[in-house]
Structures are given as structure tokens and as C-alpha cells.
Amino acid sequence: MDERKIKDLPLGTSDFIALRMADQLYVDKTDLVYKIASVRRKYFFFSSEKIW
């Protein structure tokens, strides 16, 4: 049986080096941000979950 560990999401981690040292998952959303920013709209709403 192939047992793969599911990596933790880096909730609240903003330091890339710390993220990698903790073996957390990094998701690059650069392309998505570019696509959203390229669309000509008057307003954009970005929501982020607050982590305490």
C-alpha cells in the first residue's frame, strides 16, 4: 500500500523558507493573479480568511 503523507497547508505562514523547512505545501497562484489583474474591471474584491 502506498502511504503518502498529505502536506499541511501553510495557513498563516508568510516566510517561504520557513514554509519549506516545515515541509508545508506551496501553491503558486501567480498565473491566476495575473489573469484576474488583466481583466478590465472597475472593482475587485479579494477575500481572505482571518487566521488567529
N, C-alpha and C. Protein backbone atom coordinates (compact mmCIF):
# COMPACT_ATOMS: atom_id res chain seq x y z
N MET A 1 0.86 -1.19 0.00
CA MET A 1 0.00 0.00 0.00
C MET A 1 0.89 1.24 0.00
N ASP A 2 0.56 2.17 -0.87
CA ASP A 2 1.34 3.41 -0.97
C ASP A 2 0.81 4.42 0.03
N GLU A 3 1.58 4.68 1.05
CA GLU A 3 1.16 5.65 2.07
C GLU A 3 1.91 6.95 1.87
N ARG A 4 1.22 7.95 1.36
CA ARG A 4 1.81 9.26 1.15
C ARG A 4 1.25 10.22 2.18
N LYS A 5 2.13 11.00 2.75
CA LYS A 5 1.70 11.98 3.73
C LYS A 5 1.13 13.19 2.99
N ILE A 6 -0.04 13.61 3.40
CA ILE A 6 -0.62 14.83 2.84
C ILE A 6 0.02 16.00 3.56
N LYS A 7 0.63 16.89 2.78
CA LYS A 7 1.33 18.03 3.37
C LYS A 7 0.34 19.05 3.92
N ASP A 8 0.76 19.71 4.99
CA ASP A 8 -0.06 20.76 5.60
C ASP A 8 -0.07 22.00 4.73
N LEU A 9 -1.20 22.70 4.73
CA LEU A 9 -1.27 23.98 4.05
C LEU A 9 -0.63 25.03 4.94
N PRO A 10 0.07 25.99 4.37
CA PRO A 10 0.79 26.99 5.16
C PRO A 10 -0.11 28.12 5.66
N LEU A 11 -1.10 27.82 6.44
CA LEU A 11 -2.01 28.85 6.94
C LEU A 11 -1.28 29.74 7.94
N GLY A 12 -1.19 31.00 7.61
CA GLY A 12 -0.53 31.95 8.49
C GLY A 12 0.97 32.04 8.30
N THR A 13 1.54 31.23 7.40
CA THR A 13 2.98 31.27 7.14
C THR A 13 3.25 32.16 5.94
N SER A 14 4.01 33.21 6.14
CA SER A 14 4.33 34.10 5.02
C SER A 14 5.80 34.02 4.64
N ASP A 15 6.57 33.27 5.36
CA ASP A 15 8.00 33.12 5.09
C ASP A 15 8.22 31.83 4.30
N PHE A 16 8.66 31.96 3.04
CA PHE A 16 8.81 30.81 2.16
C PHE A 16 9.82 29.81 2.72
N ILE A 17 10.92 30.28 3.26
CA ILE A 17 11.94 29.38 3.80
C ILE A 17 11.37 28.58 4.98
N ALA A 18 10.65 29.24 5.86
CA ALA A 18 10.03 28.54 7.00
C ALA A 18 8.99 27.53 6.51
N LEU A 19 8.28 27.89 5.48
CA LEU A 19 7.28 27.00 4.89
C LEU A 19 7.94 25.72 4.38
N ARG A 20 9.04 25.84 3.66
CA ARG A 20 9.73 24.67 3.12
C ARG A 20 10.40 23.85 4.22
N MET A 21 10.95 24.53 5.23
CA MET A 21 11.60 23.82 6.33
C MET A 21 10.58 23.00 7.13
N ALA A 22 9.34 23.47 7.18
CA ALA A 22 8.28 22.76 7.90
C ALA A 22 7.59 21.72 7.01
N ASP A 23 8.10 21.55 5.78
CA ASP A 23 7.56 20.59 4.81
C ASP A 23 6.09 20.86 4.52
N GLN A 24 5.76 22.14 4.40
CA GLN A 24 4.39 22.52 4.08
C GLN A 24 4.25 22.71 2.57
N LEU A 25 3.04 22.69 2.10
CA LEU A 25 2.73 22.79 0.69
C LEU A 25 2.74 24.25 0.24
N TYR A 26 3.33 24.51 -0.93
CA TYR A 26 3.32 25.84 -1.53
C TYR A 26 2.50 25.78 -2.81
N VAL A 27 1.55 26.68 -2.95
CA VAL A 27 0.73 26.75 -4.15
C VAL A 27 1.00 28.09 -4.82
N ASP A 28 1.58 28.03 -6.02
CA ASP A 28 1.91 29.25 -6.76
C ASP A 28 0.67 29.70 -7.53
N LYS A 29 0.14 30.87 -7.16
CA LYS A 29 -1.05 31.40 -7.82
C LYS A 29 -0.73 32.63 -8.66
N THR A 30 0.54 32.76 -9.05
CA THR A 30 0.97 33.91 -9.83
C THR A 30 0.17 34.06 -11.11
N ASP A 31 -0.01 32.95 -11.83
CA ASP A 31 -0.74 33.00 -13.09
C ASP A 31 -2.19 33.42 -12.88
N LEU A 32 -2.81 32.93 -11.82
CA LEU A 32 -4.20 33.29 -11.52
C LEU A 32 -4.32 34.79 -11.20
N VAL A 33 -3.39 35.31 -10.41
CA VAL A 33 -3.41 36.73 -10.06
C VAL A 33 -3.24 37.58 -11.31
N TYR A 34 -2.35 37.17 -12.20
CA TYR A 34 -2.14 37.90 -13.46
C TYR A 34 -3.42 37.92 -14.29
N LYS A 35 -4.10 36.77 -14.39
CA LYS A 35 -5.33 36.70 -15.18
C LYS A 35 -6.41 37.61 -14.59
N ILE A 36 -6.54 37.63 -13.29
CA ILE A 36 -7.54 38.48 -12.64
C ILE A 36 -7.20 39.95 -12.84
N ALA A 37 -5.92 40.30 -12.68
CA ALA A 37 -5.49 41.69 -12.80
C ALA A 37 -5.56 42.19 -14.24
N SER A 38 -5.51 41.27 -15.21
CA SER A 38 -5.54 41.65 -16.62
C SER A 38 -6.94 42.03 -17.11
N VAL A 39 -7.95 41.60 -16.39
CA VAL A 39 -9.32 41.88 -16.78
C VAL A 39 -9.65 43.32 -16.40
N ARG A 40 -10.17 44.06 -17.34
CA ARG A 40 -10.51 45.46 -17.07
C ARG A 40 -11.85 45.53 -16.35
N ARG A 41 -11.78 45.78 -15.07
CA ARG A 41 -12.96 45.96 -14.23
C ARG A 41 -12.73 47.17 -13.34
N LYS A 42 -13.81 47.75 -12.90
CA LYS A 42 -13.68 48.91 -12.03
C LYS A 42 -13.31 48.49 -10.62
N TYR A 43 -13.86 47.37 -10.14
CA TYR A 43 -13.61 46.93 -8.77
C TYR A 43 -13.23 45.46 -8.73
N PHE A 44 -12.40 45.12 -7.79
CA PHE A 44 -12.07 43.74 -7.49
C PHE A 44 -12.28 43.51 -6.00
N PHE A 45 -12.76 42.37 -5.65
CA PHE A 45 -12.92 42.03 -4.24
C PHE A 45 -12.12 40.77 -3.96
N PHE A 46 -11.11 40.89 -3.12
CA PHE A 46 -10.31 39.74 -2.71
C PHE A 46 -10.61 39.47 -1.24
N SER A 47 -10.99 38.27 -0.96
CA SER A 47 -11.33 37.91 0.40
C SER A 47 -10.32 36.90 0.91
N SER A 48 -9.94 37.05 2.16
CA SER A 48 -9.01 36.12 2.78
C SER A 48 -9.51 35.79 4.17
N GLU A 49 -9.45 34.53 4.48
CA GLU A 49 -9.88 34.07 5.79
C GLU A 49 -8.91 34.56 6.85
N LYS A 50 -9.42 35.13 7.93
CA LYS A 50 -8.54 35.57 9.01
C LYS A 50 -8.12 34.37 9.85
N ILE A 51 -6.87 34.31 10.13
CA ILE A 51 -6.35 33.22 10.94
C ILE A 51 -5.78 33.81 12.23
N TRP A 52 -6.29 33.36 13.32
CA TRP A 52 -5.86 33.89 14.61
C TRP A 52 -4.99 32.92 15.31
